PDB file of all heavy atoms in Angstrom:
ATOM      1  N   SER A   1       1.394  -4.485   7.182  1.00  0.00           N
ATOM      2  CA  SER A   1       2.399  -3.659   6.510  1.00  0.00           C
ATOM      3  C   SER A   1       1.858  -2.999   5.249  1.00  0.00           C
ATOM      4  O   SER A   1       2.238  -1.867   4.925  1.00  0.00           O
ATOM      5  CB  SER A   1       3.620  -4.516   6.153  1.00  0.00           C
ATOM      6  OG  SER A   1       4.240  -5.031   7.310  1.00  0.00           O
ATOM      7  N   GLY A   2       0.965  -3.678   4.535  1.00  0.00           N
ATOM      8  CA  GLY A   2       0.486  -3.182   3.246  1.00  0.00           C
ATOM      9  C   GLY A   2      -0.074  -1.775   3.287  1.00  0.00           C
ATOM     10  O   GLY A   2       0.418  -0.872   2.590  1.00  0.00           O
ATOM     11  N   PRO A   3      -1.140  -1.530   4.057  1.00  0.00           N
ATOM     12  CA  PRO A   3      -1.704  -0.175   4.064  1.00  0.00           C
ATOM     13  C   PRO A   3      -0.767   0.876   4.632  1.00  0.00           C
ATOM     14  O   PRO A   3      -0.802   2.036   4.219  1.00  0.00           O
ATOM     15  CB  PRO A   3      -2.976  -0.317   4.910  1.00  0.00           C
ATOM     16  CG  PRO A   3      -2.819  -1.575   5.676  1.00  0.00           C
ATOM     17  CD  PRO A   3      -1.964  -2.462   4.830  1.00  0.00           C
ATOM     18  N   GLN A   4       0.092   0.484   5.563  1.00  0.00           N
ATOM     19  CA  GLN A   4       1.052   1.454   6.085  1.00  0.00           C
ATOM     20  C   GLN A   4       2.016   1.911   4.993  1.00  0.00           C
ATOM     21  O   GLN A   4       2.341   3.097   4.878  1.00  0.00           O
ATOM     22  CB  GLN A   4       1.838   0.849   7.249  1.00  0.00           C
ATOM     23  CG  GLN A   4       0.996   0.553   8.472  1.00  0.00           C
ATOM     24  CD  GLN A   4       1.848   0.060   9.625  1.00  0.00           C
ATOM     25  OE1 GLN A   4       2.664   0.788  10.162  1.00  0.00           O
ATOM     26  NE2 GLN A   4       1.647  -1.193  10.013  1.00  0.00           N
ATOM     27  N   ILE A   5       2.470   0.980   4.167  1.00  0.00           N
ATOM     28  CA  ILE A   5       3.394   1.340   3.090  1.00  0.00           C
ATOM     29  C   ILE A   5       2.668   2.121   1.997  1.00  0.00           C
ATOM     30  O   ILE A   5       3.230   3.062   1.408  1.00  0.00           O
ATOM     31  CB  ILE A   5       4.088   0.095   2.527  1.00  0.00           C
ATOM     32  CG1 ILE A   5       5.002  -0.516   3.606  1.00  0.00           C
ATOM     33  CG2 ILE A   5       4.884   0.422   1.271  1.00  0.00           C
ATOM     34  CD1 ILE A   5       6.078   0.423   4.136  1.00  0.00           C
ATOM     35  N   ILE A   6       1.421   1.779   1.712  1.00  0.00           N
ATOM     36  CA  ILE A   6       0.644   2.573   0.757  1.00  0.00           C
ATOM     37  C   ILE A   6       0.553   4.021   1.234  1.00  0.00           C
ATOM     38  O   ILE A   6       0.787   4.966   0.471  1.00  0.00           O
ATOM     39  CB  ILE A   6      -0.759   1.967   0.568  1.00  0.00           C
ATOM     40  CG1 ILE A   6      -0.668   0.647  -0.210  1.00  0.00           C
ATOM     41  CG2 ILE A   6      -1.676   2.950  -0.162  1.00  0.00           C
ATOM     42  CD1 ILE A   6      -1.973  -0.117  -0.280  1.00  0.00           C
ATOM     43  N   GLU A   7       0.209   4.212   2.504  1.00  0.00           N
ATOM     44  CA  GLU A   7       0.111   5.559   3.056  1.00  0.00           C
ATOM     45  C   GLU A   7       1.462   6.274   3.028  1.00  0.00           C
ATOM     46  O   GLU A   7       1.550   7.464   2.673  1.00  0.00           O
ATOM     47  CB  GLU A   7      -0.412   5.491   4.491  1.00  0.00           C
ATOM     48  CG  GLU A   7      -0.469   6.818   5.227  1.00  0.00           C
ATOM     49  CD  GLU A   7      -1.513   7.783   4.718  1.00  0.00           C
ATOM     50  OE1 GLU A   7      -2.416   7.355   3.961  1.00  0.00           O
ATOM     51  OE2 GLU A   7      -1.438   8.976   5.083  1.00  0.00           O
ATOM     52  N   MET A   8       2.509   5.572   3.388  1.00  0.00           N
ATOM     53  CA  MET A   8       3.845   6.166   3.396  1.00  0.00           C
ATOM     54  C   MET A   8       4.267   6.599   1.992  1.00  0.00           C
ATOM     55  O   MET A   8       4.771   7.714   1.789  1.00  0.00           O
ATOM     56  CB  MET A   8       4.847   5.170   3.972  1.00  0.00           C
ATOM     57  CG  MET A   8       6.260   5.688   4.106  1.00  0.00           C
ATOM     58  SD  MET A   8       7.336   4.434   4.871  1.00  0.00           S
ATOM     59  CE  MET A   8       8.893   5.329   4.914  1.00  0.00           C
ATOM     60  N   MET A   9       4.084   5.731   0.994  1.00  0.00           N
ATOM     61  CA  MET A   9       4.457   6.070  -0.368  1.00  0.00           C
ATOM     62  C   MET A   9       3.639   7.238  -0.899  1.00  0.00           C
ATOM     63  O   MET A   9       4.150   8.105  -1.620  1.00  0.00           O
ATOM     64  CB  MET A   9       4.295   4.850  -1.287  1.00  0.00           C
ATOM     65  CG  MET A   9       5.284   3.729  -1.062  1.00  0.00           C
ATOM     66  SD  MET A   9       7.003   4.181  -1.451  1.00  0.00           S
ATOM     67  CE  MET A   9       7.704   4.256   0.190  1.00  0.00           C
ATOM     68  N   HIS A  10       2.376   7.293  -0.538  1.00  0.00           N
ATOM     69  CA  HIS A  10       1.522   8.397  -0.982  1.00  0.00           C
ATOM     70  C   HIS A  10       2.005   9.723  -0.399  1.00  0.00           C
ATOM     71  O   HIS A  10       1.960  10.764  -1.065  1.00  0.00           O
ATOM     72  CB  HIS A  10       0.073   8.125  -0.575  1.00  0.00           C
ATOM     73  CG  HIS A  10      -0.862   9.256  -0.930  1.00  0.00           C
ATOM     74  ND1 HIS A  10      -1.058   9.672  -2.226  1.00  0.00           N
ATOM     75  CD2 HIS A  10      -1.646  10.048  -0.147  1.00  0.00           C
ATOM     76  CE1 HIS A  10      -1.929  10.673  -2.235  1.00  0.00           C
ATOM     77  NE2 HIS A  10      -2.276  10.922  -0.989  1.00  0.00           N
ATOM     78  N   ARG A  11       2.466   9.692   0.837  1.00  0.00           N
ATOM     79  CA  ARG A  11       2.980  10.932   1.443  1.00  0.00           C
ATOM     80  C   ARG A  11       4.288  11.372   0.801  1.00  0.00           C
ATOM     81  O   ARG A  11       4.519  12.571   0.612  1.00  0.00           O
ATOM     82  CB  ARG A  11       3.187  10.727   2.948  1.00  0.00           C
ATOM     83  CG  ARG A  11       1.900  10.544   3.723  1.00  0.00           C
ATOM     84  CD  ARG A  11       2.160  10.518   5.214  1.00  0.00           C
ATOM     85  NE  ARG A  11       0.942  10.296   5.980  1.00  0.00           N
ATOM     86  CZ  ARG A  11       0.849  10.481   7.292  1.00  0.00           C
ATOM     87  NH1 ARG A  11       1.908  10.875   7.978  1.00  0.00           N
ATOM     88  NH2 ARG A  11      -0.288  10.263   7.919  1.00  0.00           N
ATOM     89  N   ILE A  12       5.134  10.431   0.466  1.00  0.00           N
ATOM     90  CA  ILE A  12       6.415  10.778  -0.149  1.00  0.00           C
ATOM     91  C   ILE A  12       6.228  11.228  -1.597  1.00  0.00           C
ATOM     92  O   ILE A  12       6.873  12.184  -2.055  1.00  0.00           O
ATOM     93  CB  ILE A  12       7.376   9.580  -0.088  1.00  0.00           C
ATOM     94  CG1 ILE A  12       7.691   9.225   1.375  1.00  0.00           C
ATOM     95  CG2 ILE A  12       8.669   9.873  -0.848  1.00  0.00           C
ATOM     96  CD1 ILE A  12       8.465   7.935   1.537  1.00  0.00           C
ATOM     97  N   TYR A  13       5.318  10.558  -2.320  1.00  0.00           N
ATOM     98  CA  TYR A  13       5.064  10.851  -3.728  1.00  0.00           C
ATOM     99  C   TYR A  13       3.576  11.132  -3.912  1.00  0.00           C
ATOM    100  O   TYR A  13       2.828  10.285  -4.428  1.00  0.00           O
ATOM    101  CB  TYR A  13       5.489   9.681  -4.608  1.00  0.00           C
ATOM    102  CG  TYR A  13       6.926   9.245  -4.406  1.00  0.00           C
ATOM    103  CD1 TYR A  13       7.239   8.123  -3.642  1.00  0.00           C
ATOM    104  CD2 TYR A  13       7.973   9.966  -4.980  1.00  0.00           C
ATOM    105  CE1 TYR A  13       8.560   7.721  -3.462  1.00  0.00           C
ATOM    106  CE2 TYR A  13       9.294   9.575  -4.805  1.00  0.00           C
ATOM    107  CZ  TYR A  13       9.576   8.455  -4.042  1.00  0.00           C
ATOM    108  OH  TYR A  13      10.878   8.060  -3.860  1.00  0.00           O
ATOM    109  N   PRO A  14       3.096  12.305  -3.484  1.00  0.00           N
ATOM    110  CA  PRO A  14       1.649  12.552  -3.464  1.00  0.00           C
ATOM    111  C   PRO A  14       0.970  12.519  -4.827  1.00  0.00           C
ATOM    112  O   PRO A  14      -0.234  12.298  -4.918  1.00  0.00           O
ATOM    113  CB  PRO A  14       1.536  13.939  -2.814  1.00  0.00           C
ATOM    114  CG  PRO A  14       2.886  14.560  -2.978  1.00  0.00           C
ATOM    115  CD  PRO A  14       3.863  13.437  -2.940  1.00  0.00           C
ATOM    116  N   GLY A  15       1.726  12.730  -5.894  1.00  0.00           N
ATOM    117  CA  GLY A  15       1.115  12.702  -7.217  1.00  0.00           C
ATOM    118  C   GLY A  15       1.220  11.362  -7.917  1.00  0.00           C
ATOM    119  O   GLY A  15       0.743  11.213  -9.054  1.00  0.00           O
ATOM    120  N   ALA A  16       1.811  10.383  -7.260  1.00  0.00           N
ATOM    121  CA  ALA A  16       2.054   9.091  -7.905  1.00  0.00           C
ATOM    122  C   ALA A  16       0.798   8.229  -7.957  1.00  0.00           C
ATOM    123  O   ALA A  16      -0.082   8.316  -7.090  1.00  0.00           O
ATOM    124  CB  ALA A  16       3.155   8.336  -7.167  1.00  0.00           C
ATOM    125  N   LYS A  17       0.743   7.396  -8.979  1.00  0.00           N
ATOM    126  CA  LYS A  17      -0.292   6.366  -9.063  1.00  0.00           C
ATOM    127  C   LYS A  17       0.295   5.081  -8.495  1.00  0.00           C
ATOM    128  O   LYS A  17       1.355   4.630  -8.931  1.00  0.00           O
ATOM    129  CB  LYS A  17      -0.728   6.149 -10.514  1.00  0.00           C
ATOM    130  CG  LYS A  17      -1.988   5.317 -10.650  1.00  0.00           C
ATOM    131  CD  LYS A  17      -3.199   6.086 -10.127  1.00  0.00           C
ATOM    132  CE  LYS A  17      -4.499   5.303 -10.356  1.00  0.00           C
ATOM    133  NZ  LYS A  17      -5.668   6.050  -9.857  1.00  0.00           N
ATOM    134  N   ILE A  18      -0.389   4.506  -7.533  1.00  0.00           N
ATOM    135  CA  ILE A  18       0.095   3.288  -6.879  1.00  0.00           C
ATOM    136  C   ILE A  18      -0.725   2.105  -7.381  1.00  0.00           C
ATOM    137  O   ILE A  18      -1.958   2.115  -7.322  1.00  0.00           O
ATOM    138  CB  ILE A  18      -0.026   3.412  -5.347  1.00  0.00           C
ATOM    139  CG1 ILE A  18       0.877   4.550  -4.843  1.00  0.00           C
ATOM    140  CG2 ILE A  18       0.343   2.084  -4.674  1.00  0.00           C
ATOM    141  CD1 ILE A  18       0.714   4.852  -3.367  1.00  0.00           C
ATOM    142  N   ARG A  19      -0.037   1.100  -7.875  1.00  0.00           N
ATOM    143  CA  ARG A  19      -0.705  -0.104  -8.362  1.00  0.00           C
ATOM    144  C   ARG A  19      -0.263  -1.263  -7.479  1.00  0.00           C
ATOM    145  O   ARG A  19       0.933  -1.457  -7.248  1.00  0.00           O
ATOM    146  CB  ARG A  19      -0.341  -0.369  -9.817  1.00  0.00           C
ATOM    147  CG  ARG A  19      -1.151  -1.478 -10.505  1.00  0.00           C
ATOM    148  CD  ARG A  19      -0.902  -1.412 -12.004  1.00  0.00           C
ATOM    149  NE  ARG A  19      -1.522  -2.485 -12.727  1.00  0.00           N
ATOM    150  CZ  ARG A  19      -2.801  -2.511 -13.137  1.00  0.00           C
ATOM    151  NH1 ARG A  19      -3.586  -1.492 -12.873  1.00  0.00           N
ATOM    152  NH2 ARG A  19      -3.278  -3.533 -13.814  1.00  0.00           N
ATOM    153  N   ILE A  20      -1.236  -2.011  -6.952  1.00  0.00           N
ATOM    154  CA  ILE A  20      -0.903  -3.089  -6.022  1.00  0.00           C
ATOM    155  C   ILE A  20      -1.133  -4.449  -6.677  1.00  0.00           C
ATOM    156  O   ILE A  20      -2.071  -4.651  -7.447  1.00  0.00           O
ATOM    157  CB  ILE A  20      -1.700  -2.970  -4.700  1.00  0.00           C
ATOM    158  CG1 ILE A  20      -3.210  -3.053  -4.934  1.00  0.00           C
ATOM    159  CG2 ILE A  20      -1.340  -1.677  -3.978  1.00  0.00           C
ATOM    160  CD1 ILE A  20      -4.024  -3.091  -3.642  1.00  0.00           C
ATOM    161  N   TYR A  21      -0.244  -5.370  -6.334  1.00  0.00           N
ATOM    162  CA  TYR A  21      -0.257  -6.735  -6.865  1.00  0.00           C
ATOM    163  C   TYR A  21      -0.162  -7.706  -5.689  1.00  0.00           C
ATOM    164  O   TYR A  21       0.551  -7.459  -4.718  1.00  0.00           O
ATOM    165  CB  TYR A  21       0.946  -6.975  -7.776  1.00  0.00           C
ATOM    166  CG  TYR A  21       1.032  -6.095  -8.993  1.00  0.00           C
ATOM    167  CD1 TYR A  21       1.470  -4.773  -8.891  1.00  0.00           C
ATOM    168  CD2 TYR A  21       0.709  -6.586 -10.253  1.00  0.00           C
ATOM    169  CE1 TYR A  21       1.563  -3.973 -10.017  1.00  0.00           C
ATOM    170  CE2 TYR A  21       0.805  -5.786 -11.387  1.00  0.00           C
ATOM    171  CZ  TYR A  21       1.234  -4.479 -11.262  1.00  0.00           C
ATOM    172  OH  TYR A  21       1.328  -3.671 -12.375  1.00  0.00           O
ATOM    173  N   GLY A  22      -0.832  -8.844  -5.800  1.00  0.00           N
ATOM    174  CA  GLY A  22      -0.669  -9.887  -4.801  1.00  0.00           C
ATOM    175  C   GLY A  22      -1.212  -9.530  -3.428  1.00  0.00           C
ATOM    176  O   GLY A  22      -0.719 -10.020  -2.418  1.00  0.00           O
ATOM    177  N   PHE A  23      -2.226  -8.685  -3.374  1.00  0.00           N
ATOM    178  CA  PHE A  23      -2.881  -8.341  -2.114  1.00  0.00           C
ATOM    179  C   PHE A  23      -4.180  -9.137  -2.001  1.00  0.00           C
ATOM    180  O   PHE A  23      -5.149  -8.867  -2.711  1.00  0.00           O
ATOM    181  CB  PHE A  23      -3.216  -6.845  -2.068  1.00  0.00           C
ATOM    182  CG  PHE A  23      -2.098  -5.963  -1.599  1.00  0.00           C
ATOM    183  CD1 PHE A  23      -0.897  -5.893  -2.300  1.00  0.00           C
ATOM    184  CD2 PHE A  23      -2.238  -5.197  -0.457  1.00  0.00           C
ATOM    185  CE1 PHE A  23       0.134  -5.076  -1.878  1.00  0.00           C
ATOM    186  CE2 PHE A  23      -1.209  -4.361  -0.015  1.00  0.00           C
ATOM    187  CZ  PHE A  23      -0.020  -4.307  -0.728  1.00  0.00           C
ATOM    188  N   THR A  24      -4.212 -10.117  -1.117  1.00  0.00           N
ATOM    189  CA  THR A  24      -5.443 -10.893  -0.912  1.00  0.00           C
ATOM    190  C   THR A  24      -6.162 -10.517   0.374  1.00  0.00           C
ATOM    191  O   THR A  24      -7.273 -10.959   0.609  1.00  0.00           O
ATOM    192  CB  THR A  24      -5.126 -12.398  -0.874  1.00  0.00           C
ATOM    193  OG1 THR A  24      -4.171 -12.643   0.169  1.00  0.00           O
ATOM    194  CG2 THR A  24      -4.576 -12.887  -2.203  1.00  0.00           C
ATOM    195  N   HIS A  25      -5.535  -9.711   1.219  1.00  0.00           N
ATOM    196  CA  HIS A  25      -6.134  -9.269   2.477  1.00  0.00           C
ATOM    197  C   HIS A  25      -6.595 -10.456   3.318  1.00  0.00           C
ATOM    198  O   HIS A  25      -7.746 -10.566   3.728  1.00  0.00           O
ATOM    199  CB  HIS A  25      -7.308  -8.311   2.219  1.00  0.00           C
ATOM    200  CG  HIS A  25      -6.923  -7.115   1.406  1.00  0.00           C
ATOM    201  ND1 HIS A  25      -6.144  -6.090   1.899  1.00  0.00           N
ATOM    202  CD2 HIS A  25      -7.185  -6.790   0.116  1.00  0.00           C
ATOM    203  CE1 HIS A  25      -5.953  -5.183   0.952  1.00  0.00           C
ATOM    204  NE2 HIS A  25      -6.572  -5.591  -0.135  1.00  0.00           N
ATOM    205  N   GLU A  26      -5.663 -11.322   3.587  1.00  0.00           N
ATOM    206  CA  GLU A  26      -5.925 -12.459   4.463  1.00  0.00           C
ATOM    207  C   GLU A  26      -4.611 -12.884   5.098  1.00  0.00           C
ATOM    208  O   GLU A  26      -3.534 -12.586   4.598  1.00  0.00           O
ATOM    209  CB  GLU A  26      -6.543 -13.622   3.686  1.00  0.00           C
ATOM    210  CG  GLU A  26      -5.706 -14.096   2.510  1.00  0.00           C
ATOM    211  CD  GLU A  26      -6.399 -15.161   1.684  1.00  0.00           C
ATOM    212  OE1 GLU A  26      -7.328 -15.810   2.198  1.00  0.00           O
ATOM    213  OE2 GLU A  26      -5.999 -15.357   0.525  1.00  0.00           O
ATOM    214  N   GLY A  27      -4.724 -13.563   6.234  1.00  0.00           N
ATOM    215  CA  GLY A  27      -3.534 -13.996   6.944  1.00  0.00           C
ATOM    216  C   GLY A  27      -3.749 -13.988   8.442  1.00  0.00           C
ATOM    217  O   GLY A  27      -4.775 -14.463   8.931  1.00  0.00           O
ATOM    218  N   TRP A  28      -2.810 -13.407   9.166  1.00  0.00           N
ATOM    219  CA  TRP A  28      -2.834 -13.434  10.625  1.00  0.00           C
ATOM    220  C   TRP A  28      -4.094 -12.763  11.168  1.00  0.00           C
ATOM    221  O   TRP A  28      -4.499 -11.695  10.703  1.00  0.00           O
ATOM    222  CB  TRP A  28      -1.580 -12.741  11.170  1.00  0.00           C
ATOM    223  CG  TRP A  28      -1.507 -12.715  12.663  1.00  0.00           C
ATOM    224  CD1 TRP A  28      -1.623 -13.769  13.501  1.00  0.00           C
ATOM    225  CD2 TRP A  28      -1.294 -11.566  13.482  1.00  0.00           C
ATOM    226  NE1 TRP A  28      -1.498 -13.356  14.812  1.00  0.00           N
ATOM    227  CE2 TRP A  28      -1.290 -12.003  14.827  1.00  0.00           C
ATOM    228  CE3 TRP A  28      -1.097 -10.214  13.215  1.00  0.00           C
ATOM    229  CZ2 TRP A  28      -1.103 -11.131  15.894  1.00  0.00           C
ATOM    230  CZ3 TRP A  28      -0.901  -9.352  14.272  1.00  0.00           C
ATOM    231  CH2 TRP A  28      -0.912  -9.812  15.597  1.00  0.00           C
ATOM    232  N   TYR A  29      -4.714 -13.378  12.164  1.00  0.00           N
ATOM    233  CA  TYR A  29      -6.003 -12.895  12.674  1.00  0.00           C
ATOM    234  C   TYR A  29      -5.916 -11.543  13.374  1.00  0.00           C
ATOM    235  O   TYR A  29      -6.941 -10.885  13.599  1.00  0.00           O
ATOM    236  CB  TYR A  29      -6.600 -13.922  13.645  1.00  0.00           C
ATOM    237  CG  TYR A  29      -5.901 -13.994  14.991  1.00  0.00           C
ATOM    238  CD1 TYR A  29      -6.337 -13.235  16.063  1.00  0.00           C
ATOM    239  CD2 TYR A  29      -4.792 -14.813  15.167  1.00  0.00           C
ATOM    240  CE1 TYR A  29      -5.688 -13.289  17.287  1.00  0.00           C
ATOM    241  CE2 TYR A  29      -4.138 -14.877  16.375  1.00  0.00           C
ATOM    242  CZ  TYR A  29      -4.589 -14.110  17.446  1.00  0.00           C
ATOM    243  OH  TYR A  29      -3.940 -14.172  18.640  1.00  0.00           O
TER     244      TYR A  29
END
């Protein structure tokens, strides 16, 4: 879900700065 939402938010707000918290990039195989 993470990268999909990053991409979605960037498309909706193309000039926005996105800051991510709590992303460890681990979990389901």
